[in-house]
Structure formats: C-alpha cells, structure tokens
Amino acid sequence: MNNIIVRFKEAVKRRNVFTSILIFLLVMILGCNSTKTKVTQQRVSTNNSAVISQKDNIKQFDSYPFLLMMLDVGQGLCILVRSGDEYLVYDGGGRERSSYVVSFFKRNQIDKIKYMIVSHYDEDHIAGLIGLLNRTSIRTAIVPNYQANTKIYSSFQSSLKKAKSVVYAKAGNQYKLGEAKISVLYATDNTEEKENNKSTVIRLEYKNFSCIITGDAAVETETKLVNRGENLSCDLYVVGHHGSSSSSSPGFVAAMKPKLAFISVGKNNKYYHPTKRVLKILNNNNSTIYRTDEQGTVSLVYDGSKYQVHETKNKSKQDKPLSQTKQGKEFYVLNKKSMRFHRKDCEGVKKMAKHNIEYVYLSKEELEKDGFESCGICKP
C-alpha cells in the first residue's frame, strides 16, 4: 500500500494524469477491501458468540432474557443463573469467598432465589450458601440425600432450615426456571464410595442453548451417564472438580462436545488445577476455555439466537499474597449474618455464632465496597 502511494505521488509530479488516476482508483479499492476485512474480523466469533470485558455486575445484562454467571470464588464453585426474572444458584463457594458471594447478591439486589442446588457437601461448595440462606429468601433448596461428618455440614444444615422448602435431588426430576428447564441427570443413591461421586449433576436448557454442571463428579459418575445414554450434548460444560484429572474423562467430554468450557479455579492453587490432561482433552474437542483465575467472573448471556461471553479480568482478593497487599489493610472479623466487620478484640465477636464468623485481611474500603458496615461498638 505504501509503495502504491509513493508511485501515485511520483506520477502526480510527472503530471502523468492517466497513471495518477489508475493508481488513485487502485488505492481506493484496496483501502475499501482493507477496511471491510477489519470490520469482519471484529465480528468473527466462535459459534455466533462474542467476548467482552465488563465489570462484576448484572445490571448491564438486564436486556437479555437468559444469564449464566460463574462467580470468581477462587478454589470453589458458584454458578448463578437468571431466566426471565427468576434465579437459581448452584453451589456457593468456600469460606474465603463467602462474604464476596453474599455481598454480590446484595449489591445486585437479588433477594429472592427460586432454586438453590447443592452439588455435594464439601466446604468449597457450600460455605457461601450459608450466608445466602441467612440473608436471602430461598424458595426451594435441592440437596443431595446423604450426611457428612463435618462442622461445615452441621452449620449448613442449621441454616438450611431457613429455606421455604427442602427436597432431595432425584435423577429424572425436572424444574422450570422462567422459560428454562432444569433436569437432574444424576443424584446420589448412596452406593458411591467417593463423596465427589455423590455430586448432583444437572442439565440446563434455554431454547436452543444447553449447559451441563457436574459439581465434583468423578470419572465413575461420568461413565454411568454415558452408559445410560443420557442426552449430554451441550453448548457449555462447567468443568468438573475445578479441572482435576479425576473428572472430565475423554469419553464424557466427547459425548458432550461442548463449545465452551468454564473452569472455576483458584490462582496458583496447591492442586495444580486445571491439569494439563484436562486442558488437552478440552482442546482436543475444540472447546473454548474460560477460567476464573485468569478472567475473573465469567458471564454468558443469550438472546434466543446467539450468546456472548463477558469476562471481568479482576483478580480475586484471596489470591494476593499478604506481602503484596496495599497499605491500609488490617485484620478484621466479619459477621456474615449481620454483614458487619469488627476489630478482633471487639466484645461483639465473643457473642457471634461460629458459623457466622469469617477472618479477613482487607481494607475498610474493600469491605464497604463488598456491602459490609463497620461495627458501632468497636468502630473499626
């Protein structure tokens, strides 16, 4: 292009009118083609989708009838789904991000949840649900039919009483969420040896869009689903067990053929999730991968014909080493029920129920941004 322009200028100097006109027309044609190619490339996206960087909120998605968000809860899982004006939450993340989950719902004025689905009773899946049960109206909690011998399970069961109704997950059951349909593909029958295999697996469908969420279900459960001939084909797979090699077996992923793969995982986690093996399996199936450790909260919106994927690209607070934290941060004690923060020597801390307590090292500004108020007694 530059050479053509130079020749045009030379032709003008030589007053070669005919050559000047030809070169000018050539420049115009090439210029138009170049512009057209650029616009086309901006619009190109995998399977009619587009990726956009946005902030961690849902008001921007109000115009879309369907929304699915994978919240950035670090090494845990929390999926929020909105169909019309009805909400579903699948798991709630662990202790380290439970205050974030509660404040996220508060900030976005989500005070009613139609369905709360619990995959299984591991801490990194249910701790955040305790705060939601204490602060949010839950119409129906769908939980796995087994018991766990842990303190977090006892705390969860105590808070579960606040749900309007509680039912056990059962394979074959279906639920309506606005115009979306939720199908339970797998629920524990208490014959599983591993607790992860007790995870409730669901299929979510909205018009032509579909998604499968498996919690921490391992290869054994995946094999059962494949052998049963379940309809596993989907657009989105919320990757099992944070990308552990114990899940996402080649046969299971091949049966799903997911166009998108969402992985909820903590940055630099000690488990080395997601594993290279799982990433290779997903890549071999041409799945586009999104990870909370790299892209923050990831949101998918669907208008009935095409979807868009939005990412925040915000790093999780708990992923920052304390040596790298900014000045102004202090040690605080949170009350997840009252949404207040206290100094560690506050008299009010002694009266707090243990399951409502969370210890953090953050600044007042960060806590207030997450929806917490300072204690009126110790006045931190």
Protein backbone atom coordinates (compact mmCIF):
# COMPACT_ATOMS: atom_id res chain seq x y z
CA MET A 1 0.00 0.00 0.00
CA ASN A 2 2.83 2.42 0.88
CA ASN A 3 4.62 1.68 -2.41
CA ILE A 4 1.44 2.45 -4.37
CA ILE A 5 1.05 5.78 -2.60
CA VAL A 6 4.68 6.70 -3.36
CA ARG A 7 4.15 5.89 -7.07
CA PHE A 8 0.99 7.99 -7.06
CA LYS A 9 2.89 10.99 -5.73
CA GLU A 10 5.64 10.49 -8.34
CA ALA A 11 3.06 10.26 -11.14
CA VAL A 12 1.47 13.48 -9.97
CA LYS A 13 4.83 15.21 -10.03
CA ARG A 14 5.41 13.98 -13.60
CA ARG A 15 1.90 15.18 -14.45
CA ASN A 16 1.05 11.74 -15.79
CA VAL A 17 -2.72 12.11 -15.42
CA PHE A 18 -3.71 8.69 -16.73
CA THR A 19 -1.27 6.85 -14.44
CA SER A 20 -2.32 9.02 -11.49
CA ILE A 21 -5.99 8.15 -11.98
CA LEU A 22 -5.28 4.41 -12.26
CA ILE A 23 -3.17 4.41 -9.10
CA PHE A 24 -5.76 6.51 -7.24
CA LEU A 25 -8.52 4.03 -8.13
CA LEU A 26 -6.29 1.13 -7.05
CA VAL A 27 -5.65 2.79 -3.69
CA MET A 28 -9.39 3.32 -3.16
CA ILE A 29 -10.22 -0.31 -3.98
CA LEU A 30 -7.50 -1.73 -1.73
CA GLY A 31 -8.40 0.71 1.02
CA CYS A 32 -12.06 -0.32 0.96
CA ASN A 33 -11.18 -4.02 1.00
CA SER A 34 -8.79 -3.47 3.91
CA THR A 35 -11.49 -1.69 5.95
CA LYS A 36 -14.06 -4.35 5.18
CA THR A 37 -11.70 -7.12 6.31
CA LYS A 38 -11.05 -5.34 9.62
CA VAL A 39 -14.76 -5.00 10.46
CA THR A 40 -15.39 -8.64 9.55
CA GLN A 41 -12.60 -9.79 11.85
CA GLN A 42 -14.06 -7.80 14.74
CA ARG A 43 -17.37 -9.55 14.29
CA VAL A 44 -15.97 -13.05 13.88
CA SER A 45 -16.63 -15.22 16.93
CA THR A 46 -16.86 -18.91 17.74
CA ASN A 47 -20.39 -20.20 17.18
CA ASN A 48 -22.01 -16.76 16.99
CA SER A 49 -20.53 -15.68 20.32
CA ALA A 50 -18.55 -12.61 21.30
CA VAL A 51 -16.16 -11.94 24.18
CA ILE A 52 -16.44 -8.61 26.02
CA SER A 53 -14.64 -7.37 29.14
CA GLN A 54 -17.06 -5.94 31.73
CA LYS A 55 -17.34 -5.20 35.44
CA ASP A 56 -18.63 -7.68 38.01
CA ASN A 57 -22.34 -6.77 38.00
CA ILE A 58 -25.54 -7.94 36.36
CA LYS A 59 -27.47 -4.72 35.66
CA GLN A 60 -25.71 -4.47 32.30
CA PHE A 61 -27.39 -7.75 31.30
CA ASP A 62 -30.98 -6.74 32.08
CA SER A 63 -31.93 -6.66 28.40
CA TYR A 64 -31.06 -10.34 27.95
CA PRO A 65 -33.67 -12.98 28.86
CA PHE A 66 -31.04 -15.52 29.97
CA LEU A 67 -27.88 -15.10 32.03
CA LEU A 68 -25.39 -17.58 33.48
CA MET A 69 -22.51 -16.38 35.66
CA MET A 70 -19.55 -18.31 37.04
CA LEU A 71 -18.60 -16.16 40.04
CA ASP A 72 -14.93 -15.79 40.86
CA VAL A 73 -14.83 -17.66 44.18
CA GLY A 74 -11.28 -18.93 43.82
CA GLN A 75 -10.84 -22.64 44.51
CA GLY A 76 -14.57 -23.35 44.75
CA LEU A 77 -17.71 -23.18 42.66
CA CYS A 78 -20.69 -20.83 42.48
CA ILE A 79 -22.94 -20.63 39.44
CA LEU A 80 -25.74 -18.06 39.18
CA VAL A 81 -28.47 -18.42 36.55
CA ARG A 82 -31.25 -15.98 35.67
CA SER A 83 -34.08 -16.87 33.32
CA GLY A 84 -36.54 -14.01 32.95
CA ASP A 85 -36.78 -12.66 36.50
CA GLU A 86 -36.18 -15.98 38.31
CA TYR A 87 -32.85 -17.03 39.82
CA LEU A 88 -31.03 -20.26 40.50
CA VAL A 89 -27.75 -20.70 42.36
CA TYR A 90 -25.70 -23.88 42.08
CA ASP A 91 -23.22 -24.11 44.99
CA GLY A 92 -21.82 -21.10 46.83
CA GLY A 93 -18.04 -21.31 47.02
CA GLY A 94 -15.84 -21.73 50.09
CA ARG A 95 -15.16 -19.77 53.30
CA GLU A 96 -12.55 -17.48 51.79
CA ARG A 97 -15.07 -16.00 49.36
CA SER A 98 -18.34 -16.47 51.22
CA SER A 99 -18.53 -12.77 52.11
CA TYR A 100 -17.99 -11.90 48.45
CA VAL A 101 -20.87 -14.16 47.39
CA VAL A 102 -23.25 -12.61 49.93
CA SER A 103 -22.21 -9.06 49.03
CA PHE A 104 -22.51 -9.84 45.31
CA PHE A 105 -26.15 -10.79 45.76
CA LYS A 106 -26.75 -7.77 47.98
CA ARG A 107 -25.08 -5.33 45.54
CA ASN A 108 -27.12 -6.67 42.67
CA GLN A 109 -30.34 -6.60 44.73
CA ILE A 110 -31.01 -10.32 44.36
CA ASP A 111 -33.11 -11.05 47.43
CA LYS A 112 -35.15 -13.99 46.10
CA ILE A 113 -33.78 -17.26 44.74
CA LYS A 114 -36.21 -19.81 43.31
CA TYR A 115 -33.81 -22.77 43.41
CA MET A 116 -30.65 -23.39 45.37
CA ILE A 117 -28.96 -26.57 44.15
CA VAL A 118 -26.22 -28.16 46.24
CA SER A 119 -23.85 -30.48 44.38
CA HIS A 120 -22.34 -32.09 47.50
CA TYR A 121 -21.25 -31.07 50.98
CA ASP A 122 -17.59 -30.11 50.51
CA GLU A 123 -16.64 -26.82 52.16
CA ASP A 124 -15.61 -25.16 48.90
CA HIS A 125 -19.12 -25.68 47.55
CA ILE A 126 -21.44 -24.94 50.49
CA ALA A 127 -19.78 -22.36 52.79
CA GLY A 128 -21.07 -19.43 50.73
CA LEU A 129 -24.58 -20.89 50.71
CA ILE A 130 -24.79 -20.48 54.48
CA GLY A 131 -24.58 -16.71 54.14
CA LEU A 132 -27.15 -16.73 51.34
CA LEU A 133 -29.58 -18.77 53.44
CA ASN A 134 -29.22 -16.23 56.24
CA ARG A 135 -29.62 -13.17 54.00
CA THR A 136 -31.73 -14.26 51.02
CA SER A 137 -35.17 -15.81 50.53
CA ILE A 138 -34.72 -19.35 49.17
CA ARG A 139 -37.91 -20.89 47.81
CA THR A 140 -36.61 -24.42 47.22
CA ALA A 141 -33.30 -25.97 48.22
CA ILE A 142 -32.40 -29.10 46.26
CA VAL A 143 -29.81 -31.06 48.23
CA PRO A 144 -28.07 -34.46 47.94
CA ASN A 145 -29.51 -37.22 50.12
CA TYR A 146 -26.57 -38.09 52.35
CA GLN A 147 -24.90 -36.84 55.52
CA ALA A 148 -21.36 -35.61 56.10
CA ASN A 149 -19.46 -35.68 59.37
CA THR A 150 -18.05 -32.14 59.22
CA LYS A 151 -18.59 -28.85 61.06
CA ILE A 152 -19.41 -27.01 57.84
CA TYR A 153 -22.12 -29.59 57.09
CA SER A 154 -23.65 -29.03 60.55
CA SER A 155 -23.60 -25.26 60.04
CA PHE A 156 -25.17 -25.67 56.61
CA GLN A 157 -27.94 -27.91 57.94
CA SER A 158 -28.71 -25.35 60.65
CA SER A 159 -29.05 -22.56 58.07
CA LEU A 160 -30.95 -24.81 55.66
CA LYS A 161 -33.98 -24.56 57.94
CA LYS A 162 -34.49 -21.03 56.63
CA ALA A 163 -35.29 -22.27 53.12
CA LYS A 164 -39.04 -22.35 52.44
CA SER A 165 -38.82 -25.94 51.21
CA VAL A 166 -36.09 -28.57 51.03
CA VAL A 167 -36.13 -31.55 48.66
CA TYR A 168 -33.63 -34.27 47.90
CA ALA A 169 -32.18 -34.37 44.41
CA LYS A 170 -33.53 -37.26 42.36
CA ALA A 171 -32.41 -38.30 38.90
CA GLY A 172 -35.12 -37.61 36.34
CA ASN A 173 -36.70 -34.70 38.21
CA GLN A 174 -37.25 -31.52 36.23
CA TYR A 175 -37.83 -27.92 37.30
CA LYS A 176 -38.86 -24.75 35.49
CA LEU A 177 -36.90 -21.52 35.86
CA GLY A 178 -38.68 -18.91 33.78
CA GLU A 179 -38.52 -20.35 30.27
CA ALA A 180 -35.52 -22.52 31.16
CA LYS A 181 -35.69 -26.20 32.11
CA ILE A 182 -33.51 -27.86 34.73
CA SER A 183 -33.09 -31.63 34.53
CA VAL A 184 -31.37 -33.71 37.23
CA LEU A 185 -29.18 -36.17 35.33
CA TYR A 186 -27.57 -37.75 38.37
CA ALA A 187 -28.26 -37.80 42.10
CA THR A 188 -26.67 -39.91 44.79
CA ASP A 189 -28.16 -43.27 45.71
CA ASN A 190 -25.57 -43.68 48.49
CA THR A 191 -23.78 -46.55 46.75
CA GLU A 192 -20.87 -44.33 45.72
CA GLU A 193 -17.55 -44.88 47.50
CA LYS A 194 -16.21 -41.35 46.87
CA GLU A 195 -18.10 -38.33 48.16
CA ASN A 196 -17.36 -36.40 44.97
CA ASN A 197 -19.38 -39.00 43.08
CA LYS A 198 -22.40 -38.07 45.16
CA SER A 199 -22.50 -34.74 43.30
CA THR A 200 -25.82 -33.73 41.77
CA VAL A 201 -25.40 -33.34 38.00
CA ILE A 202 -27.82 -31.10 36.14
CA ARG A 203 -28.62 -30.16 32.56
CA LEU A 204 -29.86 -26.63 31.99
CA GLU A 205 -31.73 -25.75 28.78
CA TYR A 206 -32.98 -22.42 27.50
CA LYS A 207 -34.41 -22.60 23.97
CA ASN A 208 -31.51 -23.81 21.81
CA PHE A 209 -28.84 -23.27 24.47
CA SER A 210 -27.79 -26.02 26.88
CA CYS A 211 -25.34 -26.42 29.74
CA ILE A 212 -24.16 -29.29 31.95
CA ILE A 213 -22.90 -28.75 35.52
CA THR A 214 -21.35 -31.69 37.38
CA GLY A 215 -20.01 -30.31 40.67
CA ASP A 216 -17.08 -32.54 41.63
CA ALA A 217 -18.45 -35.70 39.98
CA ALA A 218 -15.60 -38.02 39.02
CA VAL A 219 -15.00 -40.47 36.17
CA GLU A 220 -17.22 -43.16 37.72
CA THR A 221 -20.30 -40.91 37.63
CA GLU A 222 -19.41 -39.63 34.18
CA THR A 223 -19.19 -43.20 32.88
CA LYS A 224 -22.63 -44.01 34.31
CA LEU A 225 -24.13 -41.02 32.47
CA VAL A 226 -22.53 -42.03 29.18
CA ASN A 227 -23.60 -45.68 29.55
CA ARG A 228 -27.18 -44.66 30.36
CA GLY A 229 -27.41 -42.87 27.03
CA GLU A 230 -28.27 -39.52 28.62
CA ASN A 231 -28.54 -36.51 26.33
CA LEU A 232 -25.15 -34.98 27.08
CA SER A 233 -24.66 -32.79 24.02
CA CYS A 234 -24.29 -29.18 25.21
CA ASP A 235 -23.00 -25.73 24.38
CA LEU A 236 -21.40 -25.14 27.77
CA TYR A 237 -19.70 -27.52 30.20
CA VAL A 238 -18.92 -26.21 33.68
CA VAL A 239 -15.82 -28.33 34.10
CA GLY A 240 -15.99 -30.89 36.89
CA HIS A 241 -13.87 -30.66 40.04
CA HIS A 242 -12.11 -27.42 39.00
CA GLY A 243 -10.28 -29.17 36.17
CA SER A 244 -8.97 -32.11 38.19
CA SER A 245 -7.84 -35.20 36.28
CA SER A 246 -10.34 -37.22 38.32
CA SER A 247 -13.08 -35.68 36.17
CA SER A 248 -13.65 -34.70 32.53
CA SER A 249 -12.82 -38.11 31.10
CA PRO A 250 -12.27 -38.25 27.30
CA GLY A 251 -15.44 -40.26 26.69
CA PHE A 252 -17.59 -37.92 28.75
CA VAL A 253 -16.27 -34.76 27.09
CA ALA A 254 -16.61 -36.36 23.65
CA ALA A 255 -20.26 -37.18 24.43
CA MET A 256 -20.93 -33.56 25.40
CA LYS A 257 -18.93 -31.90 22.60
CA PRO A 258 -19.09 -28.57 24.50
CA LYS A 259 -18.34 -25.43 22.54
CA LEU A 260 -17.47 -23.62 25.78
CA ALA A 261 -15.76 -24.83 28.96
CA PHE A 262 -15.97 -22.79 32.19
CA ILE A 263 -13.41 -23.65 34.89
CA SER A 264 -13.82 -22.27 38.42
CA VAL A 265 -10.37 -22.43 39.97
CA GLY A 266 -8.10 -20.56 42.38
CA LYS A 267 -4.95 -18.85 41.14
CA ASN A 268 -1.77 -20.85 41.83
CA ASN A 269 -3.76 -23.43 43.79
CA LYS A 270 -1.91 -26.26 45.51
CA TYR A 271 -3.78 -28.90 43.49
CA TYR A 272 -2.39 -27.65 40.15
CA HIS A 273 -5.92 -27.32 38.79
CA PRO A 274 -6.76 -27.32 35.96
CA THR A 275 -4.43 -30.15 34.97
CA LYS A 276 -2.67 -30.29 31.62
CA ARG A 277 -4.50 -33.53 30.90
CA VAL A 278 -7.95 -31.95 31.24
CA LEU A 279 -6.95 -28.87 29.24
CA LYS A 280 -5.68 -31.15 26.47
CA ILE A 281 -8.95 -33.13 26.43
CA LEU A 282 -10.96 -29.90 26.18
CA ASN A 283 -8.71 -28.51 23.47
CA ASN A 284 -8.94 -31.75 21.52
CA ASN A 285 -12.71 -31.24 21.48
CA ASN A 286 -12.30 -27.64 20.26
CA SER A 287 -13.83 -26.20 23.44
CA THR A 288 -13.16 -22.51 24.14
CA ILE A 289 -11.90 -22.34 27.72
CA TYR A 290 -12.65 -19.64 30.31
CA ARG A 291 -11.05 -19.68 33.78
CA THR A 292 -11.81 -17.59 36.85
CA ASP A 293 -8.13 -17.49 37.83
CA GLU A 294 -7.35 -15.73 34.54
CA GLN A 295 -10.57 -13.93 33.59
CA GLY A 296 -12.36 -13.36 36.89
CA THR A 297 -16.14 -13.74 36.97
CA VAL A 298 -17.30 -15.05 33.61
CA SER A 299 -20.82 -14.34 32.33
CA LEU A 300 -22.78 -15.78 29.43
CA VAL A 301 -25.85 -14.02 28.05
CA TYR A 302 -28.21 -15.49 25.46
CA ASP A 303 -30.88 -13.68 23.45
CA GLY A 304 -32.50 -16.77 21.96
CA SER A 305 -30.34 -16.95 18.85
CA LYS A 306 -26.76 -16.19 19.86
CA TYR A 307 -24.73 -15.89 23.04
CA GLN A 308 -22.00 -13.58 24.28
CA VAL A 309 -19.34 -14.29 26.90
CA HIS A 310 -18.26 -11.45 29.20
CA GLU A 311 -15.25 -11.51 31.50
CA THR A 312 -14.16 -9.19 34.32
CA LYS A 313 -10.43 -9.91 34.33
CA ASN A 314 -10.34 -8.92 38.00
CA LYS A 315 -8.01 -10.82 40.32
CA SER A 316 -9.54 -12.35 43.42
CA LYS A 317 -8.60 -10.70 46.71
CA GLN A 318 -7.72 -14.01 48.33
CA ASP A 319 -5.23 -14.75 45.57
CA LYS A 320 -2.97 -11.86 46.60
CA PRO A 321 -0.12 -12.81 48.94
CA LEU A 322 -0.18 -10.72 52.12
CA SER A 323 3.29 -9.40 51.31
CA GLN A 324 1.84 -7.75 48.21
CA THR A 325 -1.22 -6.17 49.84
CA LYS A 326 -1.58 -2.41 49.80
CA GLN A 327 -1.25 -0.19 52.83
CA GLY A 328 -4.40 0.38 54.86
CA LYS A 329 -5.34 -3.27 55.13
CA GLU A 330 -5.96 -4.70 58.58
CA PHE A 331 -7.13 -7.86 60.26
CA TYR A 332 -10.93 -7.84 60.70
CA VAL A 333 -13.59 -10.25 61.88
CA LEU A 334 -16.69 -10.45 59.70
CA ASN A 335 -20.20 -11.34 60.78
CA LYS A 336 -21.65 -12.88 57.63
CA LYS A 337 -25.18 -12.70 59.04
CA SER A 338 -25.27 -9.04 60.09
CA MET A 339 -22.84 -8.01 57.32
CA ARG A 340 -20.70 -6.03 59.80
CA PHE A 341 -16.93 -6.05 60.32
CA HIS A 342 -15.25 -5.83 63.74
CA ARG A 343 -11.84 -5.46 65.31
CA LYS A 344 -10.53 -8.79 66.59
CA ASP A 345 -10.75 -7.60 70.23
CA CYS A 346 -14.35 -6.37 69.91
CA GLU A 347 -16.74 -7.61 72.62
CA GLY A 348 -19.30 -8.35 69.93
CA VAL A 349 -17.07 -11.02 68.41
CA LYS A 350 -17.39 -13.20 71.52
CA LYS A 351 -21.18 -13.28 71.08
CA MET A 352 -21.08 -14.25 67.40
CA ALA A 353 -22.08 -17.75 66.30
CA LYS A 354 -19.06 -19.59 64.90
CA HIS A 355 -20.71 -20.34 61.55
CA ASN A 356 -21.22 -16.60 61.00
CA ILE A 357 -17.57 -15.69 61.58
CA GLU A 358 -15.01 -15.05 58.86
CA TYR A 359 -11.48 -13.68 59.29
CA VAL A 360 -10.05 -11.41 56.59
CA TYR A 361 -7.10 -9.12 55.93
CA LEU A 362 -8.59 -6.25 53.92
CA SER A 363 -9.05 -2.50 53.96
CA LYS A 364 -12.20 -0.76 55.20
CA GLU A 365 -12.82 0.50 51.67
CA GLU A 366 -12.77 -3.03 50.27
CA LEU A 367 -15.16 -4.31 52.93
CA GLU A 368 -17.57 -1.41 52.47
CA LYS A 369 -17.46 -1.98 48.71
CA ASP A 370 -18.48 -5.60 49.37
CA GLY A 371 -21.51 -4.41 51.32
CA PHE A 372 -20.23 -4.64 54.91
CA GLU A 373 -20.78 -1.97 57.58
CA SER A 374 -18.45 -1.14 60.46
CA CYS A 375 -19.38 -2.21 63.99
CA GLY A 376 -20.94 0.54 66.06
CA ILE A 377 -19.21 -0.71 69.24
CA CYS A 378 -15.54 -1.11 68.32
CA LYS A 379 -15.80 1.39 65.43
CA PRO A 380 -13.01 -0.07 63.26
